[in-house]
Amino acid sequence: DVPQVIKLACTDTFVVELLMVFNSGLL
């Protein structure tokens, strides 16, 4: 799932996390 997969990325995921929260969480 998104939260666990994103944690394993070898880069800063702050922007991606915000987009994911908007796409899934906010909606």
PDB file of all heavy atoms in Angstrom:
ATOM      1  N   ASP A   1       0.846  -1.183   0.000  1.00  0.00           N
ATOM      2  CA  ASP A   1       0.000   0.000   0.000  1.00  0.00           C
ATOM      3  C   ASP A   1       0.885   1.238   0.000  1.00  0.00           C
ATOM      4  O   ASP A   1       2.087   1.173   0.296  1.00  0.00           O
ATOM      5  CB  ASP A   1      -0.938   0.004   1.207  1.00  0.00           C
ATOM      6  CG  ASP A   1      -2.144   0.907   0.996  1.00  0.00           C
ATOM      7  OD1 ASP A   1      -2.300   1.437  -0.121  1.00  0.00           O
ATOM      8  OD2 ASP A   1      -2.938   1.078   1.942  1.00  0.00           O
ATOM      9  N   VAL A   2       0.291   2.349  -0.323  1.00  0.00           N
ATOM     10  CA  VAL A   2       1.026   3.594  -0.533  1.00  0.00           C
ATOM     11  C   VAL A   2       1.916   3.984   0.646  1.00  0.00           C
ATOM     12  O   VAL A   2       3.110   4.251   0.460  1.00  0.00           O
ATOM     13  CB  VAL A   2       0.049   4.742  -0.866  1.00  0.00           C
ATOM     14  CG1 VAL A   2       0.773   6.070  -0.943  1.00  0.00           C
ATOM     15  CG2 VAL A   2      -0.659   4.460  -2.174  1.00  0.00           C
ATOM     16  N   PRO A   3       1.413   4.053   1.887  1.00  0.00           N
ATOM     17  CA  PRO A   3       2.261   4.543   2.990  1.00  0.00           C
ATOM     18  C   PRO A   3       3.540   3.740   3.176  1.00  0.00           C
ATOM     19  O   PRO A   3       4.608   4.319   3.393  1.00  0.00           O
ATOM     20  CB  PRO A   3       1.340   4.426   4.213  1.00  0.00           C
ATOM     21  CG  PRO A   3      -0.044   4.471   3.666  1.00  0.00           C
ATOM     22  CD  PRO A   3       0.040   3.773   2.351  1.00  0.00           C
ATOM     23  N   GLN A   4       3.436   2.411   3.087  1.00  0.00           N
ATOM     24  CA  GLN A   4       4.613   1.575   3.326  1.00  0.00           C
ATOM     25  C   GLN A   4       5.588   1.620   2.146  1.00  0.00           C
ATOM     26  O   GLN A   4       6.802   1.617   2.342  1.00  0.00           O
ATOM     27  CB  GLN A   4       4.191   0.123   3.587  1.00  0.00           C
ATOM     28  CG  GLN A   4       3.475  -0.097   4.896  1.00  0.00           C
ATOM     29  CD  GLN A   4       2.028   0.352   4.854  1.00  0.00           C
ATOM     30  OE1 GLN A   4       1.398   0.291   3.814  1.00  0.00           O
ATOM     31  NE2 GLN A   4       1.504   0.811   5.995  1.00  0.00           N
ATOM     32  N   VAL A   5       5.068   1.638   0.924  1.00  0.00           N
ATOM     33  CA  VAL A   5       5.940   1.647  -0.257  1.00  0.00           C
ATOM     34  C   VAL A   5       6.717   2.948  -0.340  1.00  0.00           C
ATOM     35  O   VAL A   5       7.919   2.955  -0.645  1.00  0.00           O
ATOM     36  CB  VAL A   5       5.113   1.408  -1.539  1.00  0.00           C
ATOM     37  CG1 VAL A   5       5.992   1.579  -2.782  1.00  0.00           C
ATOM     38  CG2 VAL A   5       4.490   0.021  -1.528  1.00  0.00           C
ATOM     39  N   ILE A   6       6.070   4.059  -0.065  1.00  0.00           N
ATOM     40  CA  ILE A   6       6.732   5.362  -0.155  1.00  0.00           C
ATOM     41  C   ILE A   6       7.918   5.450   0.812  1.00  0.00           C
ATOM     42  O   ILE A   6       8.941   6.058   0.496  1.00  0.00           O
ATOM     43  CB  ILE A   6       5.718   6.490   0.120  1.00  0.00           C
ATOM     44  CG1 ILE A   6       4.859   6.727  -1.115  1.00  0.00           C
ATOM     45  CG2 ILE A   6       6.407   7.787   0.512  1.00  0.00           C
ATOM     46  CD1 ILE A   6       3.887   7.858  -0.991  1.00  0.00           C
ATOM     47  N   LYS A   7       7.782   4.836   1.979  1.00  0.00           N
ATOM     48  CA  LYS A   7       8.865   4.905   2.971  1.00  0.00           C
ATOM     49  C   LYS A   7      10.170   4.296   2.467  1.00  0.00           C
ATOM     50  O   LYS A   7      11.249   4.631   2.964  1.00  0.00           O
ATOM     51  CB  LYS A   7       8.443   4.164   4.250  1.00  0.00           C
ATOM     52  CG  LYS A   7       7.360   4.858   5.040  1.00  0.00           C
ATOM     53  CD  LYS A   7       6.954   3.983   6.217  1.00  0.00           C
ATOM     54  CE  LYS A   7       5.754   4.578   6.939  1.00  0.00           C
ATOM     55  NZ  LYS A   7       5.245   3.680   7.993  1.00  0.00           N
ATOM     56  N   LEU A   8      10.102   3.389   1.502  1.00  0.00           N
ATOM     57  CA  LEU A   8      11.291   2.696   1.014  1.00  0.00           C
ATOM     58  C   LEU A   8      11.979   3.426  -0.140  1.00  0.00           C
ATOM     59  O   LEU A   8      13.021   2.966  -0.614  1.00  0.00           O
ATOM     60  CB  LEU A   8      10.913   1.275   0.555  1.00  0.00           C
ATOM     61  CG  LEU A   8      10.280   0.376   1.623  1.00  0.00           C
ATOM     62  CD1 LEU A   8       9.990  -0.997   1.050  1.00  0.00           C
ATOM     63  CD2 LEU A   8      11.187   0.266   2.845  1.00  0.00           C
ATOM     64  N   ALA A   9      11.429   4.545  -0.575  1.00  0.00           N
ATOM     65  CA  ALA A   9      12.041   5.286  -1.688  1.00  0.00           C
ATOM     66  C   ALA A   9      13.355   5.929  -1.249  1.00  0.00           C
ATOM     67  O   ALA A   9      13.491   6.402  -0.115  1.00  0.00           O
ATOM     68  CB  ALA A   9      11.082   6.351  -2.194  1.00  0.00           C
ATOM     69  N   CYS A  10      14.312   5.947  -2.163  1.00  0.00           N
ATOM     70  CA  CYS A  10      15.637   6.514  -1.871  1.00  0.00           C
ATOM     71  C   CYS A  10      15.695   7.987  -2.265  1.00  0.00           C
ATOM     72  O   CYS A  10      16.596   8.419  -3.015  1.00  0.00           O
ATOM     73  CB  CYS A  10      16.713   5.729  -2.621  1.00  0.00           C
ATOM     74  SG  CYS A  10      16.725   3.987  -2.245  1.00  0.00           S
ATOM     75  N   THR A  11      14.740   8.744  -1.818  1.00  0.00           N
ATOM     76  CA  THR A  11      14.703  10.170  -2.121  1.00  0.00           C
ATOM     77  C   THR A  11      13.764  10.859  -1.140  1.00  0.00           C
ATOM     78  O   THR A  11      13.047  10.204  -0.374  1.00  0.00           O
ATOM     79  CB  THR A  11      14.219  10.408  -3.573  1.00  0.00           C
ATOM     80  OG1 THR A  11      14.327  11.798  -3.896  1.00  0.00           O
ATOM     81  CG2 THR A  11      12.771   9.985  -3.743  1.00  0.00           C
ATOM     82  N   ASP A  12      13.751  12.168  -1.169  1.00  0.00           N
ATOM     83  CA  ASP A  12      12.842  12.927  -0.318  1.00  0.00           C
ATOM     84  C   ASP A  12      11.423  12.783  -0.878  1.00  0.00           C
ATOM     85  O   ASP A  12      11.163  13.121  -2.034  1.00  0.00           O
ATOM     86  CB  ASP A  12      13.259  14.401  -0.301  1.00  0.00           C
ATOM     87  CG  ASP A  12      12.358  15.238   0.597  1.00  0.00           C
ATOM     88  OD1 ASP A  12      11.671  14.644   1.455  1.00  0.00           O
ATOM     89  OD2 ASP A  12      12.330  16.478   0.429  1.00  0.00           O
ATOM     90  N   THR A  13      10.513  12.281  -0.066  1.00  0.00           N
ATOM     91  CA  THR A  13       9.144  11.992  -0.541  1.00  0.00           C
ATOM     92  C   THR A  13       8.107  12.956   0.024  1.00  0.00           C
ATOM     93  O   THR A  13       6.908  12.669  -0.035  1.00  0.00           O
ATOM     94  CB  THR A  13       8.760  10.553  -0.142  1.00  0.00           C
ATOM     95  OG1 THR A  13       8.832  10.426   1.294  1.00  0.00           O
ATOM     96  CG2 THR A  13       9.671   9.538  -0.790  1.00  0.00           C
ATOM     97  N   PHE A  14       8.547  14.097   0.543  1.00  0.00           N
ATOM     98  CA  PHE A  14       7.615  15.019   1.191  1.00  0.00           C
ATOM     99  C   PHE A  14       6.518  15.481   0.230  1.00  0.00           C
ATOM    100  O   PHE A  14       5.324  15.424   0.553  1.00  0.00           O
ATOM    101  CB  PHE A  14       8.370  16.233   1.733  1.00  0.00           C
ATOM    102  CG  PHE A  14       7.477  17.271   2.359  1.00  0.00           C
ATOM    103  CD1 PHE A  14       6.911  17.059   3.608  1.00  0.00           C
ATOM    104  CD2 PHE A  14       7.185  18.454   1.688  1.00  0.00           C
ATOM    105  CE1 PHE A  14       6.068  18.013   4.178  1.00  0.00           C
ATOM    106  CE2 PHE A  14       6.348  19.410   2.253  1.00  0.00           C
ATOM    107  CZ  PHE A  14       5.784  19.183   3.504  1.00  0.00           C
ATOM    108  N   VAL A  15       6.896  15.890  -0.975  1.00  0.00           N
ATOM    109  CA  VAL A  15       5.922  16.378  -1.958  1.00  0.00           C
ATOM    110  C   VAL A  15       5.000  15.248  -2.395  1.00  0.00           C
ATOM    111  O   VAL A  15       3.775  15.432  -2.510  1.00  0.00           O
ATOM    112  CB  VAL A  15       6.638  16.997  -3.176  1.00  0.00           C
ATOM    113  CG1 VAL A  15       5.625  17.390  -4.244  1.00  0.00           C
ATOM    114  CG2 VAL A  15       7.460  18.210  -2.758  1.00  0.00           C
ATOM    115  N   VAL A  16       5.582  14.079  -2.627  1.00  0.00           N
ATOM    116  CA  VAL A  16       4.776  12.932  -3.051  1.00  0.00           C
ATOM    117  C   VAL A  16       3.775  12.551  -1.958  1.00  0.00           C
ATOM    118  O   VAL A  16       2.611  12.246  -2.244  1.00  0.00           O
ATOM    119  CB  VAL A  16       5.679  11.732  -3.392  1.00  0.00           C
ATOM    120  CG1 VAL A  16       4.836  10.507  -3.746  1.00  0.00           C
ATOM    121  CG2 VAL A  16       6.612  12.076  -4.533  1.00  0.00           C
ATOM    122  N   GLU A  17       4.207  12.596  -0.703  1.00  0.00           N
ATOM    123  CA  GLU A  17       3.306  12.277   0.408  1.00  0.00           C
ATOM    124  C   GLU A  17       2.147  13.264   0.464  1.00  0.00           C
ATOM    125  O   GLU A  17       0.999  12.865   0.694  1.00  0.00           O
ATOM    126  CB  GLU A  17       4.073  12.284   1.730  1.00  0.00           C
ATOM    127  CG  GLU A  17       4.981  11.091   1.920  1.00  0.00           C
ATOM    128  CD  GLU A  17       5.612  11.063   3.301  1.00  0.00           C
ATOM    129  OE1 GLU A  17       4.963  11.526   4.255  1.00  0.00           O
ATOM    130  OE2 GLU A  17       6.744  10.584   3.425  1.00  0.00           O
ATOM    131  N   LEU A  18       2.428  14.542   0.251  1.00  0.00           N
ATOM    132  CA  LEU A  18       1.356  15.538   0.240  1.00  0.00           C
ATOM    133  C   LEU A  18       0.365  15.262  -0.881  1.00  0.00           C
ATOM    134  O   LEU A  18      -0.854  15.350  -0.687  1.00  0.00           O
ATOM    135  CB  LEU A  18       1.944  16.946   0.077  1.00  0.00           C
ATOM    136  CG  LEU A  18       2.650  17.553   1.293  1.00  0.00           C
ATOM    137  CD1 LEU A  18       3.156  18.946   0.963  1.00  0.00           C
ATOM    138  CD2 LEU A  18       1.697  17.613   2.493  1.00  0.00           C
ATOM    139  N   LEU A  19       0.879  14.908  -2.063  1.00  0.00           N
ATOM    140  CA  LEU A  19       0.005  14.601  -3.197  1.00  0.00           C
ATOM    141  C   LEU A  19      -0.830  13.360  -2.918  1.00  0.00           C
ATOM    142  O   LEU A  19      -2.013  13.296  -3.274  1.00  0.00           O
ATOM    143  CB  LEU A  19       0.839  14.410  -4.464  1.00  0.00           C
ATOM    144  CG  LEU A  19       1.533  15.663  -5.005  1.00  0.00           C
ATOM    145  CD1 LEU A  19       2.459  15.311  -6.162  1.00  0.00           C
ATOM    146  CD2 LEU A  19       0.496  16.693  -5.462  1.00  0.00           C
ATOM    147  N   MET A  20      -0.207  12.366  -2.276  1.00  0.00           N
ATOM    148  CA  MET A  20      -0.930  11.144  -1.941  1.00  0.00           C
ATOM    149  C   MET A  20      -2.021  11.407  -0.909  1.00  0.00           C
ATOM    150  O   MET A  20      -3.134  10.882  -1.006  1.00  0.00           O
ATOM    151  CB  MET A  20       0.049  10.093  -1.402  1.00  0.00           C
ATOM    152  CG  MET A  20       1.010   9.540  -2.443  1.00  0.00           C
ATOM    153  SD  MET A  20       0.148   8.554  -3.681  1.00  0.00           S
ATOM    154  CE  MET A  20       1.542   7.812  -4.532  1.00  0.00           C
ATOM    155  N   VAL A  21      -1.696  12.198   0.096  1.00  0.00           N
ATOM    156  CA  VAL A  21      -2.689  12.537   1.116  1.00  0.00           C
ATOM    157  C   VAL A  21      -3.857  13.291   0.481  1.00  0.00           C
ATOM    158  O   VAL A  21      -5.027  13.054   0.814  1.00  0.00           O
ATOM    159  CB  VAL A  21      -2.051  13.374   2.247  1.00  0.00           C
ATOM    160  CG1 VAL A  21      -3.126  13.962   3.153  1.00  0.00           C
ATOM    161  CG2 VAL A  21      -1.096  12.516   3.070  1.00  0.00           C
ATOM    162  N   PHE A  22      -3.544  14.172  -0.453  1.00  0.00           N
ATOM    163  CA  PHE A  22      -4.604  14.919  -1.147  1.00  0.00           C
ATOM    164  C   PHE A  22      -5.452  13.977  -2.000  1.00  0.00           C
ATOM    165  O   PHE A  22      -6.684  14.045  -1.984  1.00  0.00           O
ATOM    166  CB  PHE A  22      -3.985  16.008  -2.029  1.00  0.00           C
ATOM    167  CG  PHE A  22      -4.998  16.755  -2.847  1.00  0.00           C
ATOM    168  CD1 PHE A  22      -5.780  17.748  -2.282  1.00  0.00           C
ATOM    169  CD2 PHE A  22      -5.185  16.459  -4.185  1.00  0.00           C
ATOM    170  CE1 PHE A  22      -6.728  18.437  -3.036  1.00  0.00           C
ATOM    171  CE2 PHE A  22      -6.116  17.137  -4.950  1.00  0.00           C
ATOM    172  CZ  PHE A  22      -6.889  18.125  -4.366  1.00  0.00           C
ATOM    173  N   ASN A  23      -4.798  13.086  -2.750  1.00  0.00           N
ATOM    174  CA  ASN A  23      -5.507  12.197  -3.671  1.00  0.00           C
ATOM    175  C   ASN A  23      -6.335  11.149  -2.934  1.00  0.00           C
ATOM    176  O   ASN A  23      -7.431  10.800  -3.375  1.00  0.00           O
ATOM    177  CB  ASN A  23      -4.506  11.500  -4.599  1.00  0.00           C
ATOM    178  CG  ASN A  23      -5.186  10.650  -5.666  1.00  0.00           C
ATOM    179  OD1 ASN A  23      -6.197  11.041  -6.225  1.00  0.00           O
ATOM    180  ND2 ASN A  23      -4.648   9.479  -5.924  1.00  0.00           N
ATOM    181  N   SER A  24      -5.823  10.637  -1.828  1.00  0.00           N
ATOM    182  CA  SER A  24      -6.544   9.593  -1.089  1.00  0.00           C
ATOM    183  C   SER A  24      -7.239  10.148   0.148  1.00  0.00           C
ATOM    184  O   SER A  24      -8.455  10.029   0.298  1.00  0.00           O
ATOM    185  CB  SER A  24      -5.574   8.481  -0.671  1.00  0.00           C
ATOM    186  OG  SER A  24      -5.186   7.719  -1.766  1.00  0.00           O
ATOM    187  N   GLY A  25      -6.452  10.776   1.026  1.00  0.00           N
ATOM    188  CA  GLY A  25      -6.982  11.191   2.310  1.00  0.00           C
ATOM    189  C   GLY A  25      -8.030  12.281   2.235  1.00  0.00           C
ATOM    190  O   GLY A  25      -9.134  12.149   2.780  1.00  0.00           O
ATOM    191  N   LEU A  26      -7.698  13.368   1.540  1.00  0.00           N
ATOM    192  CA  LEU A  26      -8.623  14.502   1.493  1.00  0.00           C
ATOM    193  C   LEU A  26      -9.907  14.153   0.750  1.00  0.00           C
ATOM    194  O   LEU A  26     -11.007  14.495   1.193  1.00  0.00           O
ATOM    195  CB  LEU A  26      -7.932  15.707   0.839  1.00  0.00           C
ATOM    196  CG  LEU A  26      -8.744  17.007   0.810  1.00  0.00           C
ATOM    197  CD1 LEU A  26      -9.105  17.450   2.216  1.00  0.00           C
ATOM    198  CD2 LEU A  26      -7.972  18.114   0.094  1.00  0.00           C
ATOM    199  N   LEU A  27      -9.764  13.446  -0.375  1.00  0.00           N
ATOM    200  CA  LEU A  27     -10.950  13.057  -1.125  1.00  0.00           C
ATOM    201  C   LEU A  27     -11.823  12.095  -0.326  1.00  0.00           C
ATOM    202  O   LEU A  27     -13.052  12.186  -0.363  1.00  0.00           O
ATOM    203  CB  LEU A  27     -10.533  12.413  -2.454  1.00  0.00           C
ATOM    204  CG  LEU A  27      -9.947  13.356  -3.513  1.00  0.00           C
ATOM    205  CD1 LEU A  27      -9.569  12.582  -4.763  1.00  0.00           C
ATOM    206  CD2 LEU A  27     -10.935  14.468  -3.860  1.00  0.00           C
TER     207      LEU A  27
END
